[in-house]
């Protein structure tokens, strides 16, 4: 892969407001160096419910659909497979490419080795995952009870 292409992909990942927001450009360069690039066709499953991902996917281009209520899209710069990555259990939802999609895949053992070498990377990575999981859980809760989204007078 060319250096320009690599820099472009790192920029996509590091500029995303919905991705691993606490990682630095240097963190992304380390991850990109160890990641495996994967291509998905429209309709192809990136993550399959009931199966372990054994790593995490970082979308570089394209859009995918998370197949749980409420259905939602994820885009370039976002991660998927994060729940299975964190708890090492089977995935909770299918994630399907809506269009041709490129992603980095980084397996658990590679990431754990990187976190041992660079503890601050691990700290920023998990802090970012916590922010993603929190935001996504709030979206599910709000969809099931819209009243939760509106702060009460005492919270304003």
Protein backbone atom coordinates (compact mmCIF):
# COMPACT_ATOMS: atom_id res chain seq x y z
CA UNK A 1 0.00 0.00 0.00
CA UNK A 2 1.29 3.44 -0.86
CA UNK A 3 2.25 5.88 1.86
CA UNK A 4 -0.30 8.42 0.53
CA UNK A 5 -3.08 5.81 0.70
CA UNK A 6 -2.01 4.80 4.20
CA UNK A 7 -2.02 8.44 5.33
CA UNK A 8 -5.48 8.95 3.82
CA UNK A 9 -6.84 5.91 5.68
CA UNK A 10 -5.28 7.06 8.95
CA UNK A 11 -6.89 10.47 8.43
CA UNK A 12 -10.32 8.84 7.92
CA UNK A 13 -9.94 6.88 11.15
CA UNK A 14 -8.45 9.66 13.26
CA UNK A 15 -10.95 12.32 12.11
CA UNK A 16 -14.07 10.29 12.80
CA UNK A 17 -16.24 11.70 15.60
CA UNK A 18 -17.97 8.31 16.01
CA UNK A 19 -14.94 6.03 16.03
CA UNK A 20 -12.04 5.45 18.39
CA UNK A 21 -11.89 9.12 19.27
CA UNK A 22 -9.09 9.07 21.83
CA UNK A 23 -6.46 7.53 19.57
CA UNK A 24 -3.70 9.74 18.19
CA UNK A 25 -2.41 9.75 14.62
CA UNK A 26 0.62 7.80 15.90
CA UNK A 27 -1.67 5.22 17.51
CA UNK A 28 -3.49 4.83 14.20
CA UNK A 29 -0.21 4.41 12.33
CA UNK A 30 0.77 1.56 14.70
CA UNK A 31 -2.61 -0.13 14.28
CA UNK A 32 -2.67 0.32 10.49
CA UNK A 33 0.76 -1.28 10.26
CA UNK A 34 -0.53 -4.46 11.95
CA UNK A 35 -4.04 -4.51 10.47
CA UNK A 36 -5.22 -6.74 7.65
CA UNK A 37 -7.16 -4.97 4.93
CA UNK A 38 -10.48 -6.64 4.11
CA UNK A 39 -12.92 -5.92 1.28
CA UNK A 40 -16.63 -6.67 1.50
CA UNK A 41 -19.24 -6.77 -1.26
CA UNK A 42 -22.73 -5.33 -0.86
CA UNK A 43 -24.82 -7.73 1.23
CA UNK A 44 -21.77 -9.53 2.66
CA UNK A 45 -21.65 -9.99 6.43
CA UNK A 46 -18.79 -8.25 8.18
CA UNK A 47 -19.86 -9.52 11.60
CA UNK A 48 -22.17 -12.50 12.05
CA UNK A 49 -24.49 -12.72 15.04
CA UNK A 50 -23.66 -15.71 17.21
CA UNK A 51 -20.05 -15.96 16.01
CA UNK A 52 -16.97 -14.49 17.65
CA UNK A 53 -15.17 -11.82 15.67
CA UNK A 54 -11.78 -12.54 17.32
CA UNK A 55 -10.82 -8.94 16.63
CA UNK A 56 -12.26 -5.62 15.61
CA UNK A 57 -13.15 -4.12 12.24
CA UNK A 58 -12.37 -0.48 11.45
CA UNK A 59 -14.30 0.82 8.44
CA UNK A 60 -12.25 2.74 5.91
CA UNK A 61 -14.91 3.30 3.23
CA UNK A 62 -18.49 2.39 2.56
CA UNK A 63 -21.50 1.94 4.82
CA UNK A 64 -22.73 -1.05 6.78
CA UNK A 65 -26.01 -1.79 8.48
CA UNK A 66 -26.23 -3.11 12.03
CA UNK A 67 -29.14 -5.57 12.04
CA UNK A 68 -30.68 -4.94 15.48
CA UNK A 69 -33.54 -2.67 16.51
CA UNK A 70 -33.23 0.15 15.92
CA UNK A 71 -31.35 -0.59 12.71
CA UNK A 72 -28.49 1.81 12.24
CA UNK A 73 -25.73 2.51 9.82
CA UNK A 74 -22.04 2.71 10.49
CA UNK A 75 -19.68 4.54 8.19
CA UNK A 76 -16.01 5.08 7.44
CA UNK A 77 -14.06 5.77 10.60
CA UNK A 78 -16.32 3.66 12.81
CA UNK A 79 -15.69 0.27 14.40
CA UNK A 80 -17.77 -2.90 14.49
CA UNK A 81 -17.33 -6.17 16.33
CA UNK A 82 -16.46 -4.18 19.44
CA UNK A 83 -18.78 -6.04 21.83
CA UNK A 84 -17.37 -9.44 20.88
CA UNK A 85 -13.87 -7.96 21.02
CA UNK A 86 -14.38 -6.70 24.58
CA UNK A 87 -16.20 -9.66 26.14
CA UNK A 88 -14.80 -12.44 23.89
CA UNK A 89 -18.31 -13.82 23.37
CA UNK A 90 -20.27 -14.27 20.14
CA UNK A 91 -21.41 -11.16 18.28
CA UNK A 92 -24.77 -9.70 19.29
CA UNK A 93 -25.80 -8.62 15.79
CA UNK A 94 -25.15 -9.07 12.11
CA UNK A 95 -23.31 -6.19 10.45
CA UNK A 96 -23.86 -6.22 6.69
CA UNK A 97 -22.12 -4.15 4.01
CA UNK A 98 -24.66 -1.91 2.28
CA UNK A 99 -22.17 -1.16 -0.50
CA UNK A 100 -18.64 -2.12 -1.40
CA UNK A 101 -16.69 -1.59 1.78
CA UNK A 102 -13.05 -1.60 2.88
CA UNK A 103 -12.03 -2.20 6.47
CA UNK A 104 -9.02 -2.93 8.56
CA UNK A 105 -9.26 -6.02 10.74
CA UNK A 106 -7.02 -6.30 13.78
CA UNK A 107 -7.13 -9.55 15.72
CA UNK A 108 -7.22 -9.74 19.51
CA UNK A 109 -3.74 -11.18 19.99
CA UNK A 110 -2.12 -8.52 17.80
CA UNK A 111 -3.87 -5.75 19.71
CA UNK A 112 -2.99 -7.28 23.09
CA UNK A 113 0.68 -7.48 22.05
CA UNK A 114 0.56 -3.83 20.98
CA UNK A 115 -1.05 -2.84 24.30
CA UNK A 116 1.74 -4.59 26.21
CA UNK A 117 4.37 -2.67 24.23
CA UNK A 118 2.43 0.61 24.30
CA UNK A 119 0.25 0.74 27.46
CA UNK A 120 -1.00 4.24 26.67
CA UNK A 121 -2.33 2.95 23.34
CA UNK A 122 -4.31 0.30 25.21
CA UNK A 123 -5.69 2.88 27.62
CA UNK A 124 -6.80 5.21 24.81
CA UNK A 125 -8.18 2.28 22.80
CA UNK A 126 -10.37 0.97 25.64
CA UNK A 127 -11.45 4.48 26.63
CA UNK A 128 -12.56 4.99 23.02
CA UNK A 129 -14.42 1.65 23.01
CA UNK A 130 -16.22 2.64 26.21
CA UNK A 131 -17.38 5.88 24.54
CA UNK A 132 -18.63 3.95 21.48
CA UNK A 133 -20.46 1.35 23.56
CA UNK A 134 -22.00 4.04 25.76
CA UNK A 135 -23.25 6.04 22.77
CA UNK A 136 -24.67 2.97 21.06
CA UNK A 137 -26.39 1.72 24.22
CA UNK A 138 -27.99 5.14 24.73
CA UNK A 139 -29.32 5.02 21.16
CA UNK A 140 -30.94 1.62 21.77
CA UNK A 141 -32.44 2.74 25.10
CA UNK A 142 -33.72 6.01 23.63
CA UNK A 143 -35.31 4.15 20.70
CA UNK A 144 -37.15 1.85 23.11
CA UNK A 145 -38.31 4.74 25.34
CA UNK A 146 -38.20 8.20 23.66
CA UNK A 147 -39.10 9.88 26.98
CA UNK A 148 -35.57 9.07 28.19
CA UNK A 149 -34.09 11.34 25.53
CA UNK A 150 -35.85 14.39 26.99
CA UNK A 151 -34.26 15.73 30.19
CA UNK A 152 -36.71 16.42 33.02
CA UNK A 153 -37.08 19.93 34.40
CA UNK A 154 -34.81 19.03 37.32
CA UNK A 155 -32.05 17.88 34.92
CA UNK A 156 -32.16 21.02 32.75
